Amino acid sequence: MSLKVISTNLQDVKIVEADVFGDHRGFFTETYTKSKFHEAGIDIDFIQDNQSLSVEPGVLRGMHYQRAPYAQTKLLRAVTGVIYDVLVDIRKGSPTYGQWEGYILSEYNHRQLLVPKGFAHGFVTLTPNVNVAYKVDGFYAPQADGGIAFDDPDIGIKWPMPLNHLILSEKDQHHPQLKDADLNFVYEEEK
């Protein structure tokens, strides 16, 4: 298996593509092999796998983060269905602070997204019955749980459907704007 690691416009965010071998029966791909990821420059000690199911199109989960020192790096993929995945850089001092970018992840393109610490993360489902699987390098810490508003006008995320068609949890409807969020991420340029 070979890995293709694609840089994005957001500092430190990567798209990962692995070889997919298909024939009339279906396909096979290695979604994660630690040594191959390490060789490709992604040396993260993932300690837990998570999975979510969103039944309807328009389910928006986000924009979430965990404050330091409980911040998490995530490696995320859509196992079934299609999502529009969005990241916002919330690291003060970063060259891309406050900027967002969106990516299509699907069962068809087999892409994975590396979400570094210091980014708010969320996604909206574009198809029914979407399973999203992701690895994390830290456990959930409720005391560090945070989020920013998915519709913060200062950020201006362009979701692929009208906002009144989105389905959100009670919690995700009430996150503060970035300027009012409880953040403690500071960008440190690699030496």
Protein backbone atom coordinates (compact mmCIF):
# COMPACT_ATOMS: atom_id res chain seq x y z
CA MET A 1 0.00 0.00 0.00
CA SER A 2 1.17 3.48 -0.77
CA LEU A 3 -0.05 6.67 0.84
CA LYS A 4 -0.55 10.01 -0.82
CA VAL A 5 -0.54 12.87 1.69
CA ILE A 6 -2.01 16.09 0.31
CA SER A 7 -1.45 19.46 1.98
CA THR A 8 -4.41 21.83 2.23
CA ASN A 9 -4.76 25.59 2.48
CA LEU A 10 -5.04 25.25 6.27
CA GLN A 11 -1.70 25.04 8.04
CA ASP A 12 -0.99 21.40 9.15
CA VAL A 13 -4.25 19.86 7.83
CA LYS A 14 -3.71 16.88 5.51
CA ILE A 15 -5.83 14.73 3.22
CA VAL A 16 -4.70 11.12 3.08
CA GLU A 17 -5.34 8.80 0.14
CA ALA A 18 -4.42 5.11 0.20
CA ASP A 19 -4.41 2.60 -2.63
CA VAL A 20 -7.79 1.01 -3.32
CA PHE A 21 -7.86 -2.35 -5.10
CA GLY A 22 -11.19 -3.15 -6.70
CA ASP A 23 -12.76 -5.70 -8.99
CA HIS A 24 -16.23 -7.15 -9.70
CA ARG A 25 -16.55 -8.24 -6.03
CA GLY A 26 -15.90 -4.83 -4.50
CA PHE A 27 -12.69 -3.34 -3.12
CA PHE A 28 -9.93 -3.64 -0.53
CA THR A 29 -7.90 -0.88 1.09
CA GLU A 30 -5.71 -0.51 4.14
CA THR A 31 -7.15 2.44 6.04
CA TYR A 32 -4.35 2.60 8.59
CA THR A 33 -0.92 1.04 8.93
CA LYS A 34 1.14 2.81 11.58
CA SER A 35 4.54 2.25 9.94
CA LYS A 36 3.31 3.48 6.54
CA PHE A 37 1.74 6.59 8.06
CA HIS A 38 4.99 7.23 9.95
CA GLU A 39 6.98 6.93 6.71
CA ALA A 40 4.59 9.45 5.15
CA GLY A 41 5.30 11.94 7.95
CA ILE A 42 2.21 11.27 10.10
CA ASP A 43 3.59 10.00 13.39
CA ILE A 44 0.57 10.15 15.71
CA ASP A 45 -0.05 7.70 18.53
CA PHE A 46 -3.75 6.97 18.02
CA ILE A 47 -5.29 5.33 21.09
CA GLN A 48 -9.01 5.01 20.36
CA ASP A 49 -11.37 4.40 17.42
CA ASN A 50 -14.82 6.05 17.36
CA GLN A 51 -17.77 5.76 14.99
CA SER A 52 -20.94 7.77 14.50
CA LEU A 53 -24.10 7.08 12.50
CA SER A 54 -26.21 9.91 11.11
CA VAL A 55 -29.47 8.62 9.68
CA GLU A 56 -30.66 11.62 7.69
CA PRO A 57 -29.03 14.00 5.19
CA GLY A 58 -28.44 17.40 6.78
CA VAL A 59 -27.23 16.19 10.16
CA LEU A 60 -24.57 18.66 11.29
CA ARG A 61 -22.18 17.63 14.04
CA GLY A 62 -19.91 20.48 15.12
CA MET A 63 -18.01 22.65 15.44
CA HIS A 64 -16.16 20.78 18.22
CA TYR A 65 -12.76 20.83 19.92
CA GLN A 66 -11.18 19.92 23.24
CA ARG A 67 -9.09 22.54 25.02
CA ALA A 68 -5.43 21.81 25.78
CA PRO A 69 -4.01 19.78 27.42
CA TYR A 70 -6.81 17.40 26.37
CA ALA A 71 -6.80 18.38 22.69
CA GLN A 72 -7.16 15.56 20.16
CA THR A 73 -5.71 14.85 16.76
CA LYS A 74 -8.23 12.96 14.61
CA LEU A 75 -7.95 10.82 11.49
CA LEU A 76 -11.43 10.77 10.01
CA ARG A 77 -13.20 8.99 7.13
CA ALA A 78 -16.70 8.29 5.85
CA VAL A 79 -17.23 4.52 5.83
CA THR A 80 -20.70 4.80 4.26
CA GLY A 81 -22.30 7.80 2.63
CA VAL A 82 -20.94 11.28 1.96
CA ILE A 83 -20.05 14.16 4.27
CA TYR A 84 -18.90 17.72 3.87
CA ASP A 85 -16.23 18.02 6.54
CA VAL A 86 -15.20 21.46 7.82
CA LEU A 87 -12.23 22.64 9.87
CA VAL A 88 -11.54 26.04 11.43
CA ASP A 89 -8.07 26.96 12.67
CA ILE A 90 -8.46 28.19 16.28
CA ARG A 91 -4.75 28.40 17.17
CA LYS A 92 -3.92 31.97 18.12
CA GLY A 93 -0.90 33.16 16.15
CA SER A 94 -1.40 30.67 13.31
CA PRO A 95 -1.04 32.03 9.77
CA THR A 96 -4.50 30.55 9.06
CA TYR A 97 -6.22 31.50 12.37
CA GLY A 98 -9.98 31.90 11.94
CA GLN A 99 -9.92 30.47 8.43
CA TRP A 100 -12.01 27.48 7.39
CA GLU A 101 -11.91 24.88 4.67
CA GLY A 102 -14.34 22.12 3.65
CA TYR A 103 -13.67 18.70 2.14
CA ILE A 104 -15.85 15.97 0.66
CA LEU A 105 -15.20 12.61 2.32
CA SER A 106 -17.12 9.63 1.05
CA GLU A 107 -17.31 5.88 0.74
CA TYR A 108 -16.48 6.47 -2.94
CA ASN A 109 -13.33 8.60 -2.72
CA HIS A 110 -11.93 6.75 0.35
CA ARG A 111 -10.23 9.94 1.50
CA GLN A 112 -9.23 10.48 5.11
CA LEU A 113 -8.74 13.81 6.83
CA LEU A 114 -6.06 14.49 9.41
CA VAL A 115 -7.47 17.01 11.90
CA PRO A 116 -4.64 18.42 14.04
CA LYS A 117 -4.99 19.71 17.58
CA GLY A 118 -6.16 23.31 17.64
CA PHE A 119 -8.87 23.01 15.00
CA ALA A 120 -12.63 23.15 15.47
CA HIS A 121 -14.14 20.28 13.51
CA GLY A 122 -17.58 19.48 12.18
CA PHE A 123 -19.38 17.85 9.30
CA VAL A 124 -22.76 17.72 7.63
CA THR A 125 -24.18 14.57 6.04
CA LEU A 126 -25.07 14.78 2.36
CA THR A 127 -26.65 11.33 2.09
CA PRO A 128 -28.70 9.09 4.41
CA ASN A 129 -27.16 6.51 6.74
CA VAL A 130 -23.67 7.99 7.02
CA ASN A 131 -21.13 6.13 9.14
CA VAL A 132 -18.08 8.18 10.10
CA ALA A 133 -15.10 6.45 11.72
CA TYR A 134 -12.23 8.27 13.31
CA LYS A 135 -9.11 7.62 15.31
CA VAL A 136 -8.07 9.94 18.15
CA ASP A 137 -4.85 10.36 20.07
CA GLY A 138 -6.57 11.37 23.33
CA PHE A 139 -9.62 10.37 25.30
CA TYR A 140 -12.80 12.44 25.63
CA ALA A 141 -12.48 14.94 28.49
CA PRO A 142 -15.86 16.55 29.31
CA GLN A 143 -14.19 19.31 31.34
CA ALA A 144 -12.29 20.41 28.19
CA ASP A 145 -15.21 20.11 25.76
CA GLY A 146 -15.70 23.19 23.59
CA GLY A 147 -17.24 24.39 20.39
CA ILE A 148 -17.83 27.35 18.12
CA ALA A 149 -20.97 28.32 16.24
CA PHE A 150 -21.41 26.57 12.89
CA ASP A 151 -22.94 29.79 11.55
CA ASP A 152 -20.47 32.32 13.00
CA PRO A 153 -20.70 35.25 10.54
CA ASP A 154 -17.08 36.24 11.21
CA ILE A 155 -15.92 32.85 9.91
CA GLY A 156 -18.50 32.54 7.11
CA ILE A 157 -18.58 28.79 6.55
CA LYS A 158 -20.49 28.04 3.35
CA TRP A 159 -22.45 24.88 4.13
CA PRO A 160 -23.72 22.98 1.04
CA MET A 161 -27.39 23.29 2.05
CA PRO A 162 -29.66 25.96 3.52
CA LEU A 163 -29.06 26.48 7.26
CA ASN A 164 -32.77 25.95 8.01
CA HIS A 165 -32.46 22.39 6.64
CA LEU A 166 -29.71 21.39 9.07
CA ILE A 167 -30.38 18.98 11.93
CA LEU A 168 -28.35 19.78 15.06
CA SER A 169 -28.17 18.58 18.63
CA GLU A 170 -29.32 21.00 21.33
CA LYS A 171 -25.67 21.49 22.36
CA ASP A 172 -24.49 22.31 18.82
CA GLN A 173 -27.19 24.98 18.44
CA HIS A 174 -25.69 27.06 21.25
CA HIS A 175 -21.91 27.24 20.75
CA PRO A 176 -20.44 30.76 20.99
CA GLN A 177 -18.85 32.67 18.13
CA LEU A 178 -15.10 32.27 17.76
CA LYS A 179 -14.44 35.71 19.25
CA ASP A 180 -16.27 34.65 22.45
CA ALA A 181 -15.06 31.03 22.66
CA ASP A 182 -13.00 29.65 25.53
CA LEU A 183 -9.77 28.84 23.67
CA ASN A 184 -6.27 28.10 24.88
CA PHE A 185 -4.53 27.01 21.68
CA VAL A 186 -1.37 28.80 20.68
CA TYR A 187 0.28 28.15 17.34
CA GLU A 188 3.88 27.05 17.56
CA GLU A 189 5.78 27.00 14.32
CA GLU A 190 7.76 23.80 13.78
CA LYS A 191 11.49 24.27 14.30
